[in-house]
């Protein structure tokens, strides 16, 4: 399912004039789908939840029922596996903070990692 969706999406983006204008770059896609109160990640190793009072790192392609107050984290970096491990630790650390404080803390953590590749953390509260 993952490959069946990602391949056409990659072709579409590769043909996009804005993406073409960027030239060769290491852009990678970490798509997800929101539908009503459910979310499906197509790259589950890049996703975590604060749900039912617990921090959950997703490890399978699955729908999760979202409730008001749940927090969804999407994160990633280029191809550096060790950086992904560090990002998971960062996400778990910021999850302990108030949602309004997480952005600044995440930026500080990411800068302190001195990553060679771009990294991102996206968080949204349901």
PDB file of N, CA and C in Angstrom:
ATOM      1  N   UNK A   1       0.830  -1.195   0.000  1.00  0.00           N
ATOM      2  CA  UNK A   1       0.000   0.000   0.000  1.00  0.00           C
ATOM      3  C   UNK A   1       0.871   1.254   0.000  1.00  0.00           C
ATOM      4  N   UNK A   2       1.901   1.234   0.831  1.00  0.00           N
ATOM      5  CA  UNK A   2       2.804   2.373   0.933  1.00  0.00           C
ATOM      6  C   UNK A   2       3.418   2.702  -0.429  1.00  0.00           C
ATOM      7  N   UNK A   3       4.011   1.700  -1.072  1.00  0.00           N
ATOM      8  CA  UNK A   3       4.648   1.922  -2.367  1.00  0.00           C
ATOM      9  C   UNK A   3       3.628   2.306  -3.428  1.00  0.00           C
ATOM     10  N   UNK A   4       2.452   1.731  -3.353  1.00  0.00           N
ATOM     11  CA  UNK A   4       1.414   2.035  -4.326  1.00  0.00           C
ATOM     12  C   UNK A   4       0.954   3.479  -4.278  1.00  0.00           C
ATOM     13  N   UNK A   5       1.054   4.099  -3.125  1.00  0.00           N
ATOM     14  CA  UNK A   5       0.659   5.496  -2.977  1.00  0.00           C
ATOM     15  C   UNK A   5       1.847   6.424  -3.198  1.00  0.00           C
ATOM     16  N   UNK A   6       2.996   6.074  -2.637  1.00  0.00           N
ATOM     17  CA  UNK A   6       4.153   6.970  -2.699  1.00  0.00           C
ATOM     18  C   UNK A   6       4.714   7.141  -4.108  1.00  0.00           C
ATOM     19  N   UNK A   7       4.731   6.076  -4.884  1.00  0.00           N
ATOM     20  CA  UNK A   7       5.319   6.181  -6.224  1.00  0.00           C
ATOM     21  C   UNK A   7       4.585   7.193  -7.109  1.00  0.00           C
ATOM     22  N   UNK A   8       3.249   7.117  -7.260  1.00  0.00           N
ATOM     23  CA  UNK A   8       2.563   8.130  -8.064  1.00  0.00           C
ATOM     24  C   UNK A   8       2.700   9.536  -7.474  1.00  0.00           C
ATOM     25  N   UNK A   9       2.709   9.628  -6.155  1.00  0.00           N
ATOM     26  CA  UNK A   9       2.865  10.924  -5.511  1.00  0.00           C
ATOM     27  C   UNK A   9       4.245  11.514  -5.804  1.00  0.00           C
ATOM     28  N   UNK A  10       5.277  10.688  -5.749  1.00  0.00           N
ATOM     29  CA  UNK A  10       6.628  11.153  -6.087  1.00  0.00           C
ATOM     30  C   UNK A  10       6.710  11.608  -7.541  1.00  0.00           C
ATOM     31  N   UNK A  11       6.094  10.855  -8.453  1.00  0.00           N
ATOM     32  CA  UNK A  11       6.090  11.256  -9.873  1.00  0.00           C
ATOM     33  C   UNK A  11       5.390  12.597 -10.041  1.00  0.00           C
ATOM     34  N   UNK A  12       4.263  12.756  -9.365  1.00  0.00           N
ATOM     35  CA  UNK A  12       3.515  14.007  -9.449  1.00  0.00           C
ATOM     36  C   UNK A  12       4.377  15.180  -8.976  1.00  0.00           C
ATOM     37  N   UNK A  13       5.026  15.004  -7.832  1.00  0.00           N
ATOM     38  CA  UNK A  13       5.849  16.087  -7.298  1.00  0.00           C
ATOM     39  C   UNK A  13       7.081  16.347  -8.152  1.00  0.00           C
ATOM     40  N   UNK A  14       7.671  15.288  -8.698  1.00  0.00           N
ATOM     41  CA  UNK A  14       8.846  15.482  -9.562  1.00  0.00           C
ATOM     42  C   UNK A  14       8.504  16.284 -10.805  1.00  0.00           C
ATOM     43  N   UNK A  15       7.244  16.202 -11.245  1.00  0.00           N
ATOM     44  CA  UNK A  15       6.806  16.946 -12.425  1.00  0.00           C
ATOM     45  C   UNK A  15       6.315  18.347 -12.081  1.00  0.00           C
ATOM     46  N   UNK A  16       6.162  18.629 -10.806  1.00  0.00           N
ATOM     47  CA  UNK A  16       5.668  19.936 -10.381  1.00  0.00           C
ATOM     48  C   UNK A  16       6.703  21.016 -10.708  1.00  0.00           C
ATOM     49  N   UNK A  17       6.300  22.122 -11.344  1.00  0.00           N
ATOM     50  CA  UNK A  17       7.249  23.174 -11.731  1.00  0.00           C
ATOM     51  C   UNK A  17       8.002  23.780 -10.544  1.00  0.00           C
ATOM     52  N   UNK A  18       7.353  23.906  -9.402  1.00  0.00           N
ATOM     53  CA  UNK A  18       8.035  24.488  -8.234  1.00  0.00           C
ATOM     54  C   UNK A  18       9.121  23.542  -7.736  1.00  0.00           C
ATOM     55  N   UNK A  19       8.802  22.257  -7.655  1.00  0.00           N
ATOM     56  CA  UNK A  19       9.799  21.283  -7.207  1.00  0.00           C
ATOM     57  C   UNK A  19      10.943  21.218  -8.215  1.00  0.00           C
ATOM     58  N   UNK A  20      10.620  21.241  -9.516  1.00  0.00           N
ATOM     59  CA  UNK A  20      11.668  21.221 -10.540  1.00  0.00           C
ATOM     60  C   UNK A  20      12.602  22.413 -10.411  1.00  0.00           C
ATOM     61  N   UNK A  21      12.052  23.572 -10.035  1.00  0.00           N
ATOM     62  CA  UNK A  21      12.882  24.765  -9.926  1.00  0.00           C
ATOM     63  C   UNK A  21      13.904  24.656  -8.794  1.00  0.00           C
ATOM     64  N   UNK A  22      13.679  23.749  -7.848  1.00  0.00           N
ATOM     65  CA  UNK A  22      14.619  23.553  -6.744  1.00  0.00           C
ATOM     66  C   UNK A  22      15.847  22.758  -7.167  1.00  0.00           C
ATOM     67  N   UNK A  23      15.767  22.114  -8.330  1.00  0.00           N
ATOM     68  CA  UNK A  23      16.890  21.289  -8.779  1.00  0.00           C
ATOM     69  C   UNK A  23      16.966  20.007  -7.972  1.00  0.00           C
ATOM     70  N   UNK A  24      18.100  19.319  -8.074  1.00  0.00           N
ATOM     71  CA  UNK A  24      18.286  18.078  -7.325  1.00  0.00           C
ATOM     72  C   UNK A  24      18.366  18.403  -5.839  1.00  0.00           C
ATOM     73  N   UNK A  25      17.614  17.688  -5.041  1.00  0.00           N
ATOM     74  CA  UNK A  25      17.653  17.898  -3.592  1.00  0.00           C
ATOM     75  C   UNK A  25      17.223  16.614  -2.899  1.00  0.00           C
ATOM     76  N   UNK A  26      17.509  16.501  -1.606  1.00  0.00           N
ATOM     77  CA  UNK A  26      17.192  15.267  -0.885  1.00  0.00           C
ATOM     78  C   UNK A  26      15.795  15.264  -0.255  1.00  0.00           C
ATOM     79  N   UNK A  27      14.828  15.910  -0.915  1.00  0.00           N
ATOM     80  CA  UNK A  27      13.480  15.949  -0.346  1.00  0.00           C
ATOM     81  C   UNK A  27      12.918  14.530  -0.253  1.00  0.00           C
ATOM     82  N   UNK A  28      12.371  14.216   0.915  1.00  0.00           N
ATOM     83  CA  UNK A  28      11.681  12.945   1.100  1.00  0.00           C
ATOM     84  C   UNK A  28      10.272  13.248   1.586  1.00  0.00           C
ATOM     85  N   UNK A  29       9.348  12.382   1.255  1.00  0.00           N
ATOM     86  CA  UNK A  29       7.955  12.585   1.637  1.00  0.00           C
ATOM     87  C   UNK A  29       7.607  11.707   2.829  1.00  0.00           C
ATOM     88  N   UNK A  30       6.866  12.288   3.762  1.00  0.00           N
ATOM     89  CA  UNK A  30       6.347  11.541   4.898  1.00  0.00           C
ATOM     90  C   UNK A  30       4.844  11.792   4.954  1.00  0.00           C
ATOM     91  N   UNK A  31       4.087  11.228   4.013  1.00  0.00           N
ATOM     92  CA  UNK A  31       2.666  11.558   3.919  1.00  0.00           C
ATOM     93  C   UNK A  31       1.828  10.891   5.007  1.00  0.00           C
ATOM     94  N   UNK A  32       0.722  11.532   5.283  1.00  0.00           N
ATOM     95  CA  UNK A  32      -0.262  10.973   6.187  1.00  0.00           C
ATOM     96  C   UNK A  32      -1.627  11.448   5.713  1.00  0.00           C
ATOM     97  N   UNK A  33      -2.657  10.755   6.146  1.00  0.00           N
ATOM     98  CA  UNK A  33      -4.017  11.057   5.746  1.00  0.00           C
ATOM     99  C   UNK A  33      -4.857  11.264   6.995  1.00  0.00           C
ATOM    100  N   UNK A  34      -5.601  12.356   7.025  1.00  0.00           N
ATOM    101  CA  UNK A  34      -6.567  12.598   8.095  1.00  0.00           C
ATOM    102  C   UNK A  34      -7.960  12.380   7.522  1.00  0.00           C
ATOM    103  N   UNK A  35      -8.766  11.624   8.212  1.00  0.00           N
ATOM    104  CA  UNK A  35     -10.144  11.412   7.795  1.00  0.00           C
ATOM    105  C   UNK A  35     -11.018  11.373   9.031  1.00  0.00           C
ATOM    106  N   UNK A  36     -11.861  12.387   9.174  1.00  0.00           N
ATOM    107  CA  UNK A  36     -12.721  12.524  10.350  1.00  0.00           C
ATOM    108  C   UNK A  36     -11.863  12.471  11.609  1.00  0.00           C
ATOM    109  N   UNK A  37     -12.025  11.431  12.426  1.00  0.00           N
ATOM    110  CA  UNK A  37     -11.265  11.343  13.671  1.00  0.00           C
ATOM    111  C   UNK A  37     -10.174  10.277  13.598  1.00  0.00           C
ATOM    112  N   UNK A  38      -9.737   9.961  12.399  1.00  0.00           N
ATOM    113  CA  UNK A  38      -8.723   8.927  12.247  1.00  0.00           C
ATOM    114  C   UNK A  38      -7.546   9.460  11.440  1.00  0.00           C
ATOM    115  N   UNK A  39      -6.388   8.843  11.670  1.00  0.00           N
ATOM    116  CA  UNK A  39      -5.198   9.228  10.926  1.00  0.00           C
ATOM    117  C   UNK A  39      -4.479   7.959  10.475  1.00  0.00           C
ATOM    118  N   UNK A  40      -3.987   7.981   9.267  1.00  0.00           N
ATOM    119  CA  UNK A  40      -3.205   6.874   8.725  1.00  0.00           C
ATOM    120  C   UNK A  40      -1.871   7.448   8.292  1.00  0.00           C
ATOM    121  N   UNK A  41      -0.801   6.915   8.808  1.00  0.00           N
ATOM    122  CA  UNK A  41       0.505   7.352   8.358  1.00  0.00           C
ATOM    123  C   UNK A  41       1.041   6.347   7.349  1.00  0.00           C
ATOM    124  N   UNK A  42       1.623   6.847   6.289  1.00  0.00           N
ATOM    125  CA  UNK A  42       2.200   5.964   5.281  1.00  0.00           C
ATOM    126  C   UNK A  42       3.675   5.703   5.562  1.00  0.00           C
ATOM    127  N   UNK A  43       4.222   6.392   6.539  1.00  0.00           N
ATOM    128  CA  UNK A  43       5.605   6.175   6.981  1.00  0.00           C
ATOM    129  C   UNK A  43       5.574   6.072   8.500  1.00  0.00           C
ATOM    130  N   UNK A  44       5.107   4.962   9.047  1.00  0.00           N
ATOM    131  CA  UNK A  44       4.823   4.889  10.478  1.00  0.00           C
ATOM    132  C   UNK A  44       6.027   5.077  11.380  1.00  0.00           C
ATOM    133  N   UNK A  45       7.222   4.805  10.885  1.00  0.00           N
ATOM    134  CA  UNK A  45       8.390   4.990  11.745  1.00  0.00           C
ATOM    135  C   UNK A  45       8.653   6.462  12.041  1.00  0.00           C
ATOM    136  N   UNK A  46       7.914   7.344  11.393  1.00  0.00           N
ATOM    137  CA  UNK A  46       8.078   8.785  11.565  1.00  0.00           C
ATOM    138  C   UNK A  46       6.896   9.403  12.292  1.00  0.00           C
ATOM    139  N   UNK A  47       6.257   8.649  13.159  1.00  0.00           N
ATOM    140  CA  UNK A  47       5.061   9.167  13.786  1.00  0.00           C
ATOM    141  C   UNK A  47       4.947   8.694  15.228  1.00  0.00           C
ATOM    142  N   UNK A  48       4.391   9.561  16.067  1.00  0.00           N
ATOM    143  CA  UNK A  48       4.126   9.198  17.462  1.00  0.00           C
ATOM    144  C   UNK A  48       2.857   9.916  17.911  1.00  0.00           C
ATOM    145  N   UNK A  49       2.258   9.434  18.980  1.00  0.00           N
ATOM    146  CA  UNK A  49       1.025  10.007  19.521  1.00  0.00           C
ATOM    147  C   UNK A  49       1.168  10.244  21.014  1.00  0.00           C
ATOM    148  N   UNK A  50       0.434  11.219  21.509  1.00  0.00           N
ATOM    149  CA  UNK A  50       0.119  11.322  22.939  1.00  0.00           C
ATOM    150  C   UNK A  50      -1.361  11.003  22.963  1.00  0.00           C
ATOM    151  N   UNK A  51      -1.685   9.790  23.395  1.00  0.00           N
ATOM    152  CA  UNK A  51      -3.062   9.330  23.324  1.00  0.00           C
ATOM    153  C   UNK A  51      -3.383   8.484  24.548  1.00  0.00           C
ATOM    154  N   UNK A  52      -4.562   8.670  25.096  1.00  0.00           N
ATOM    155  CA  UNK A  52      -4.996   7.927  26.284  1.00  0.00           C
ATOM    156  C   UNK A  52      -4.002   8.097  27.434  1.00  0.00           C
ATOM    157  N   UNK A  53      -3.344   9.264  27.500  1.00  0.00           N
ATOM    158  CA  UNK A  53      -2.395   9.536  28.574  1.00  0.00           C
ATOM    159  C   UNK A  53      -1.050   8.877  28.401  1.00  0.00           C
ATOM    160  N   UNK A  54      -0.783   8.278  27.239  1.00  0.00           N
ATOM    161  CA  UNK A  54       0.486   7.586  26.993  1.00  0.00           C
ATOM    162  C   UNK A  54       1.162   8.123  25.759  1.00  0.00           C
ATOM    163  N   UNK A  55       2.482   7.998  25.716  1.00  0.00           N
ATOM    164  CA  UNK A  55       3.260   8.337  24.529  1.00  0.00           C
ATOM    165  C   UNK A  55       3.428   7.053  23.728  1.00  0.00           C
ATOM    166  N   UNK A  56       2.977   7.057  22.486  1.00  0.00           N
ATOM    167  CA  UNK A  56       2.977   5.858  21.649  1.00  0.00           C
ATOM    168  C   UNK A  56       3.737   6.150  20.367  1.00  0.00           C
ATOM    169  N   UNK A  57       4.778   5.369  20.078  1.00  0.00           N
ATOM    170  CA  UNK A  57       5.465   5.476  18.795  1.00  0.00           C
ATOM    171  C   UNK A  57       4.820   4.459  17.876  1.00  0.00           C
ATOM    172  N   UNK A  58       4.294   4.942  16.761  1.00  0.00           N
ATOM    173  CA  UNK A  58       3.613   4.061  15.817  1.00  0.00           C
ATOM    174  C   UNK A  58       4.648   3.185  15.114  1.00  0.00           C
ATOM    175  N   UNK A  59       4.291   1.929  14.874  1.00  0.00           N
ATOM    176  CA  UNK A  59       5.228   1.042  14.177  1.00  0.00           C
ATOM    177  C   UNK A  59       4.568   0.254  13.055  1.00  0.00           C
ATOM    178  N   UNK A  60       3.312   0.549  12.777  1.00  0.00           N
ATOM    179  CA  UNK A  60       2.618  -0.147  11.695  1.00  0.00           C
ATOM    180  C   UNK A  60       1.755   0.853  10.926  1.00  0.00           C
ATOM    181  N   UNK A  61       1.374   0.479   9.728  1.00  0.00           N
ATOM    182  CA  UNK A  61       0.400   1.265   8.982  1.00  0.00           C
ATOM    183  C   UNK A  61      -0.965   0.985   9.589  1.00  0.00           C
ATOM    184  N   UNK A  62      -1.540   1.957  10.258  1.00  0.00           N
ATOM    185  CA  UNK A  62      -2.845   1.704  10.855  1.00  0.00           C
ATOM    186  C   UNK A  62      -3.587   3.010  11.094  1.00  0.00           C
ATOM    187  N   UNK A  63      -4.865   2.872  11.229  1.00  0.00           N
ATOM    188  CA  UNK A  63      -5.698   4.009  11.600  1.00  0.00           C
ATOM    189  C   UNK A  63      -5.689   4.116  13.111  1.00  0.00           C
ATOM    190  N   UNK A  64      -5.658   5.312  13.610  1.00  0.00           N
ATOM    191  CA  UNK A  64      -5.773   5.540  15.054  1.00  0.00           C
ATOM    192  C   UNK A  64      -6.949   6.467  15.282  1.00  0.00           C
ATOM    193  N   UNK A  65      -7.792   6.122  16.198  1.00  0.00           N
ATOM    194  CA  UNK A  65      -8.916   6.994  16.525  1.00  0.00           C
ATOM    195  C   UNK A  65      -8.404   8.152  17.360  1.00  0.00           C
ATOM    196  N   UNK A  66      -8.617   9.351  16.875  1.00  0.00           N
ATOM    197  CA  UNK A  66      -8.166  10.541  17.575  1.00  0.00           C
ATOM    198  C   UNK A  66      -9.290  11.115  18.411  1.00  0.00           C
ATOM    199  N   UNK A  67      -8.923  11.626  19.585  1.00  0.00           N
ATOM    200  CA  UNK A  67      -9.888  12.244  20.478  1.00  0.00           C
ATOM    201  C   UNK A  67      -9.428  13.657  20.783  1.00  0.00           C
ATOM    202  N   UNK A  68     -10.327  14.545  21.168  1.00  0.00           N
ATOM    203  CA  UNK A  68      -9.901  15.892  21.546  1.00  0.00           C
ATOM    204  C   UNK A  68      -8.826  15.821  22.632  1.00  0.00           C
ATOM    205  N   UNK A  69      -7.764  16.572  22.426  1.00  0.00           N
ATOM    206  CA  UNK A  69      -6.658  16.581  23.378  1.00  0.00           C
ATOM    207  C   UNK A  69      -5.491  15.715  22.963  1.00  0.00           C
ATOM    208  N   UNK A  70      -5.699  14.752  22.025  1.00  0.00           N
ATOM    209  CA  UNK A  70      -4.585  13.934  21.543  1.00  0.00           C
ATOM    210  C   UNK A  70      -3.589  14.814  20.796  1.00  0.00           C
ATOM    211  N   UNK A  71      -2.322  14.430  20.849  1.00  0.00           N
ATOM    212  CA  UNK A  71      -1.279  15.134  20.103  1.00  0.00           C
ATOM    213  C   UNK A  71      -0.667  14.142  19.127  1.00  0.00           C
ATOM    214  N   UNK A  72      -0.485  14.570  17.885  1.00  0.00           N
ATOM    215  CA  UNK A  72       0.134  13.745  16.863  1.00  0.00           C
ATOM    216  C   UNK A  72       1.460  14.389  16.490  1.00  0.00           C
ATOM    217  N   UNK A  73       2.523  13.593  16.457  1.00  0.00           N
ATOM    218  CA  UNK A  73       3.856  14.068  16.085  1.00  0.00           C
ATOM    219  C   UNK A  73       4.290  13.383  14.793  1.00  0.00           C
ATOM    220  N   UNK A  74       4.745  14.160  13.836  1.00  0.00           N
ATOM    221  CA  UNK A  74       5.385  13.645  12.628  1.00  0.00           C
ATOM    222  C   UNK A  74       6.803  14.199  12.642  1.00  0.00           C
ATOM    223  N   UNK A  75       7.783  13.377  12.327  1.00  0.00           N
ATOM    224  CA  UNK A  75       9.162  13.846  12.384  1.00  0.00           C
ATOM    225  C   UNK A  75       9.988  13.089  11.357  1.00  0.00           C
ATOM    226  N   UNK A  76      11.106  13.675  10.961  1.00  0.00           N
ATOM    227  CA  UNK A  76      11.949  13.006   9.990  1.00  0.00           C
ATOM    228  C   UNK A  76      13.216  13.770   9.685  1.00  0.00           C
ATOM    229  N   UNK A  77      14.085  13.092   8.982  1.00  0.00           N
ATOM    230  CA  UNK A  77      15.330  13.663   8.508  1.00  0.00           C
ATOM    231  C   UNK A  77      15.662  12.955   7.209  1.00  0.00           C
ATOM    232  N   UNK A  78      16.706  13.368   6.534  1.00  0.00           N
ATOM    233  CA  UNK A  78      17.025  12.758   5.238  1.00  0.00           C
ATOM    234  C   UNK A  78      17.256  11.252   5.392  1.00  0.00           C
ATOM    235  N   UNK A  79      18.449  10.783   5.169  1.00  0.00           N
ATOM    236  CA  UNK A  79      18.681   9.335   5.184  1.00  0.00           C
ATOM    237  C   UNK A  79      19.472   8.844   6.387  1.00  0.00           C
ATOM    238  N   UNK A  80      19.687   9.674   7.364  1.00  0.00           N
ATOM    239  CA  UNK A  80      20.541   9.339   8.494  1.00  0.00           C
ATOM    240  C   UNK A  80      19.754   8.580   9.564  1.00  0.00           C
ATOM    241  N   UNK A  81      19.989   7.261   9.670  1.00  0.00           N
ATOM    242  CA  UNK A  81      19.262   6.424  10.640  1.00  0.00           C
ATOM    243  C   UNK A  81      19.547   6.846  12.078  1.00  0.00           C
ATOM    244  N   UNK A  82      20.792   7.203  12.378  1.00  0.00           N
ATOM    245  CA  UNK A  82      21.122   7.600  13.750  1.00  0.00           C
ATOM    246  C   UNK A  82      20.398   8.900  14.110  1.00  0.00           C
ATOM    247  N   UNK A  83      20.226   9.783  13.132  1.00  0.00           N
ATOM    248  CA  UNK A  83      19.497  11.031  13.381  1.00  0.00           C
ATOM    249  C   UNK A  83      18.027  10.741  13.680  1.00  0.00           C
ATOM    250  N   UNK A  84      17.449   9.733  13.022  1.00  0.00           N
ATOM    251  CA  UNK A  84      16.053   9.366  13.294  1.00  0.00           C
ATOM    252  C   UNK A  84      15.905   8.872  14.727  1.00  0.00           C
ATOM    253  N   UNK A  85      16.871   8.124  15.200  1.00  0.00           N
ATOM    254  CA  UNK A  85      16.831   7.644  16.585  1.00  0.00           C
ATOM    255  C   UNK A  85      16.866   8.829  17.541  1.00  0.00           C
ATOM    256  N   UNK A  86      17.728   9.798  17.241  1.00  0.00           N
ATOM    257  CA  UNK A  86      17.821  10.990  18.085  1.00  0.00           C
ATOM    258  C   UNK A  86      16.527  11.808  18.033  1.00  0.00           C
ATOM    259  N   UNK A  87      15.931  11.922  16.837  1.00  0.00           N
ATOM    260  CA  UNK A  87      14.673  12.669  16.720  1.00  0.00           C
ATOM    261  C   UNK A  87      13.562  12.018  17.535  1.00  0.00           C
ATOM    262  N   UNK A  88      13.508  10.676  17.540  1.00  0.00           N
ATOM    263  CA  UNK A  88      12.503   9.997  18.356  1.00  0.00           C
ATOM    264  C   UNK A  88      12.686  10.354  19.833  1.00  0.00           C
ATOM    265  N   UNK A  89      13.948  10.425  20.279  1.00  0.00           N
ATOM    266  CA  UNK A  89      14.234  10.804  21.668  1.00  0.00           C
ATOM    267  C   UNK A  89      13.788  12.240  21.935  1.00  0.00           C
ATOM    268  N   UNK A  90      14.025  13.132  20.952  1.00  0.00           N
ATOM    269  CA  UNK A  90      13.610  14.527  21.109  1.00  0.00           C
ATOM    270  C   UNK A  90      12.093  14.611  21.245  1.00  0.00           C
ATOM    271  N   UNK A  91      11.384  13.912  20.363  1.00  0.00           N
ATOM    272  CA  UNK A  91       9.917  13.945  20.395  1.00  0.00           C
ATOM    273  C   UNK A  91       9.406  13.413  21.736  1.00  0.00           C
ATOM    274  N   UNK A  92      10.014  12.335  22.215  1.00  0.00           N
ATOM    275  CA  UNK A  92       9.586  11.782  23.505  1.00  0.00           C
ATOM    276  C   UNK A  92       9.862  12.777  24.631  1.00  0.00           C
ATOM    277  N   UNK A  93      10.959  13.515  24.543  1.00  0.00           N
ATOM    278  CA  UNK A  93      11.299  14.511  25.564  1.00  0.00           C
ATOM    279  C   UNK A  93      10.334  15.693  25.541  1.00  0.00           C
ATOM    280  N   UNK A  94      10.047  16.209  24.338  1.00  0.00           N
ATOM    281  CA  UNK A  94       9.164  17.382  24.279  1.00  0.00           C
ATOM    282  C   UNK A  94       7.738  17.017  24.652  1.00  0.00           C
ATOM    283  N   UNK A  95       7.374  15.748  24.477  1.00  0.00           N
ATOM    284  CA  UNK A  95       6.025  15.318  24.828  1.00  0.00           C
ATOM    285  C   UNK A  95       5.741  15.496  26.318  1.00  0.00           C
ATOM    286  N   UNK A  96       6.782  15.553  27.124  1.00  0.00           N
ATOM    287  CA  UNK A  96       6.612  15.731  28.567  1.00  0.00           C
ATOM    288  C   UNK A  96       6.273  17.176  28.936  1.00  0.00           C
ATOM    289  N   UNK A  97       6.457  18.109  27.983  1.00  0.00           N
ATOM    290  CA  UNK A  97       6.220  19.529  28.242  1.00  0.00           C
ATOM    291  C   UNK A  97       4.799  19.919  27.848  1.00  0.00           C
ATOM    292  N   UNK A  98       4.390  21.086  28.306  1.00  0.00           N
ATOM    293  CA  UNK A  98       3.113  21.646  27.869  1.00  0.00           C
ATOM    294  C   UNK A  98       3.176  21.861  26.359  1.00  0.00           C
ATOM    295  N   UNK A  99       2.056  21.653  25.678  1.00  0.00           N
ATOM    296  CA  UNK A  99       2.036  21.760  24.223  1.00  0.00           C
ATOM    297  C   UNK A  99       2.535  23.130  23.747  1.00  0.00           C
ATOM    298  N   UNK A 100       2.161  24.181  24.442  1.00  0.00           N
ATOM    299  CA  UNK A 100       2.555  25.542  24.032  1.00  0.00           C
ATOM    300  C   UNK A 100       4.063  25.770  24.140  1.00  0.00           C
ATOM    301  N   UNK A 101       4.775  24.978  24.943  1.00  0.00           N
ATOM    302  CA  UNK A 101       6.219  25.133  25.125  1.00  0.00           C
ATOM    303  C   UNK A 101       7.034  24.223  24.204  1.00  0.00           C
ATOM    304  N   UNK A 102       6.379  23.299  23.522  1.00  0.00           N
ATOM    305  CA  UNK A 102       7.099  22.275  22.768  1.00  0.00           C
ATOM    306  C   UNK A 102       7.890  22.822  21.588  1.00  0.00           C
ATOM    307  N   UNK A 103       7.369  23.839  20.913  1.00  0.00           N
ATOM    308  CA  UNK A 103       8.043  24.355  19.718  1.00  0.00           C
ATOM    309  C   UNK A 103       9.450  24.847  20.050  1.00  0.00           C
ATOM    310  N   UNK A 104       9.581  25.711  21.038  1.00  0.00           N
ATOM    311  CA  UNK A 104      10.891  26.255  21.382  1.00  0.00           C
ATOM    312  C   UNK A 104      11.845  25.162  21.861  1.00  0.00           C
ATOM    313  N   UNK A 105      11.336  24.244  22.653  1.00  0.00           N
ATOM    314  CA  UNK A 105      12.176  23.163  23.149  1.00  0.00           C
ATOM    315  C   UNK A 105      12.647  22.259  22.002  1.00  0.00           C
ATOM    316  N   UNK A 106      11.751  21.953  21.071  1.00  0.00           N
ATOM    317  CA  UNK A 106      12.117  21.123  19.923  1.00  0.00           C
ATOM    318  C   UNK A 106      13.198  21.800  19.083  1.00  0.00           C
ATOM    319  N   UNK A 107      13.065  23.104  18.849  1.00  0.00           N
ATOM    320  CA  UNK A 107      14.088  23.829  18.086  1.00  0.00           C
ATOM    321  C   UNK A 107      15.440  23.765  18.780  1.00  0.00           C
ATOM    322  N   UNK A 108      15.454  23.948  20.081  1.00  0.00           N
ATOM    323  CA  UNK A 108      16.713  23.877  20.829  1.00  0.00           C
ATOM    324  C   UNK A 108      17.343  22.492  20.733  1.00  0.00           C
ATOM    325  N   UNK A 109      16.513  21.446  20.889  1.00  0.00           N
ATOM    326  CA  UNK A 109      17.026  20.083  20.792  1.00  0.00           C
ATOM    327  C   UNK A 109      17.608  19.806  19.408  1.00  0.00           C
ATOM    328  N   UNK A 110      16.861  20.174  18.365  1.00  0.00           N
ATOM    329  CA  UNK A 110      17.317  19.910  16.996  1.00  0.00           C
ATOM    330  C   UNK A 110      18.631  20.639  16.714  1.00  0.00           C
ATOM    331  N   UNK A 111      18.741  21.899  17.151  1.00  0.00           N
ATOM    332  CA  UNK A 111      19.982  22.646  16.944  1.00  0.00           C
ATOM    333  C   UNK A 111      21.141  22.015  17.712  1.00  0.00           C
ATOM    334  N   UNK A 112      20.878  21.493  18.898  1.00  0.00           N
ATOM    335  CA  UNK A 112      21.947  20.893  19.696  1.00  0.00           C
ATOM    336  C   UNK A 112      22.437  19.575  19.108  1.00  0.00           C
ATOM    337  N   UNK A 113      21.628  18.924  18.269  1.00  0.00           N
ATOM    338  CA  UNK A 113      22.044  17.666  17.645  1.00  0.00           C
ATOM    339  C   UNK A 113      23.090  17.883  16.559  1.00  0.00           C
ATOM    340  N   UNK A 114      23.166  19.106  16.044  1.00  0.00           N
ATOM    341  CA  UNK A 114      24.102  19.436  14.957  1.00  0.00           C
ATOM    342  C   UNK A 114      23.995  18.422  13.821  1.00  0.00           C
ATOM    343  N   UNK A 115      22.781  18.228  13.349  1.00  0.00           N
ATOM    344  CA  UNK A 115      22.530  17.266  12.275  1.00  0.00           C
ATOM    345  C   UNK A 115      23.136  17.748  10.965  1.00  0.00           C
ATOM    346  N   UNK A 116      23.620  16.806  10.163  1.00  0.00           N
ATOM    347  CA  UNK A 116      24.183  17.143   8.857  1.00  0.00           C
ATOM    348  C   UNK A 116      23.087  17.320   7.814  1.00  0.00           C
ATOM    349  N   UNK A 117      21.936  16.737   8.077  1.00  0.00           N
ATOM    350  CA  UNK A 117      20.805  16.822   7.151  1.00  0.00           C
ATOM    351  C   UNK A 117      19.681  17.612   7.802  1.00  0.00           C
ATOM    352  N   UNK A 118      18.765  18.085   6.970  1.00  0.00           N
ATOM    353  CA  UNK A 118      17.595  18.782   7.504  1.00  0.00           C
ATOM    354  C   UNK A 118      16.764  17.831   8.350  1.00  0.00           C
ATOM    355  N   UNK A 119      16.123  18.371   9.357  1.00  0.00           N
ATOM    356  CA  UNK A 119      15.250  17.580  10.220  1.00  0.00           C
ATOM    357  C   UNK A 119      14.002  18.392  10.507  1.00  0.00           C
ATOM    358  N   UNK A 120      12.916  17.691  10.796  1.00  0.00           N
ATOM    359  CA  UNK A 120      11.691  18.406  11.128  1.00  0.00           C
ATOM    360  C   UNK A 120      10.905  17.643  12.168  1.00  0.00           C
ATOM    361  N   UNK A 121      10.123  18.393  12.926  1.00  0.00           N
ATOM    362  CA  UNK A 121       9.144  17.820  13.846  1.00  0.00           C
ATOM    363  C   UNK A 121       7.878  18.648  13.670  1.00  0.00           C
ATOM    364  N   UNK A 122       6.781  17.982  13.392  1.00  0.00           N
ATOM    365  CA  UNK A 122       5.484  18.644  13.274  1.00  0.00           C
ATOM    366  C   UNK A 122       4.607  18.063  14.372  1.00  0.00           C
ATOM    367  N   UNK A 123       3.935  18.922  15.110  1.00  0.00           N
ATOM    368  CA  UNK A 123       3.023  18.454  16.150  1.00  0.00           C
ATOM    369  C   UNK A 123       1.704  19.186  16.003  1.00  0.00           C
ATOM    370  N   UNK A 124       0.617  18.454  16.128  1.00  0.00           N
ATOM    371  CA  UNK A 124      -0.678  19.130  16.170  1.00  0.00           C
ATOM    372  C   UNK A 124      -1.545  18.468  17.214  1.00  0.00           C
ATOM    373  N   UNK A 125      -2.349  19.320  17.843  1.00  0.00           N
ATOM    374  CA  UNK A 125      -3.237  18.871  18.911  1.00  0.00           C
ATOM    375  C   UNK A 125      -4.656  18.793  18.357  1.00  0.00           C
ATOM    376  N   UNK A 126      -5.307  17.694  18.604  1.00  0.00           N
ATOM    377  CA  UNK A 126      -6.661  17.481  18.096  1.00  0.00           C
ATOM    378  C   UNK A 126      -7.628  18.315  18.929  1.00  0.00           C
TER     379      UNK A 126
END
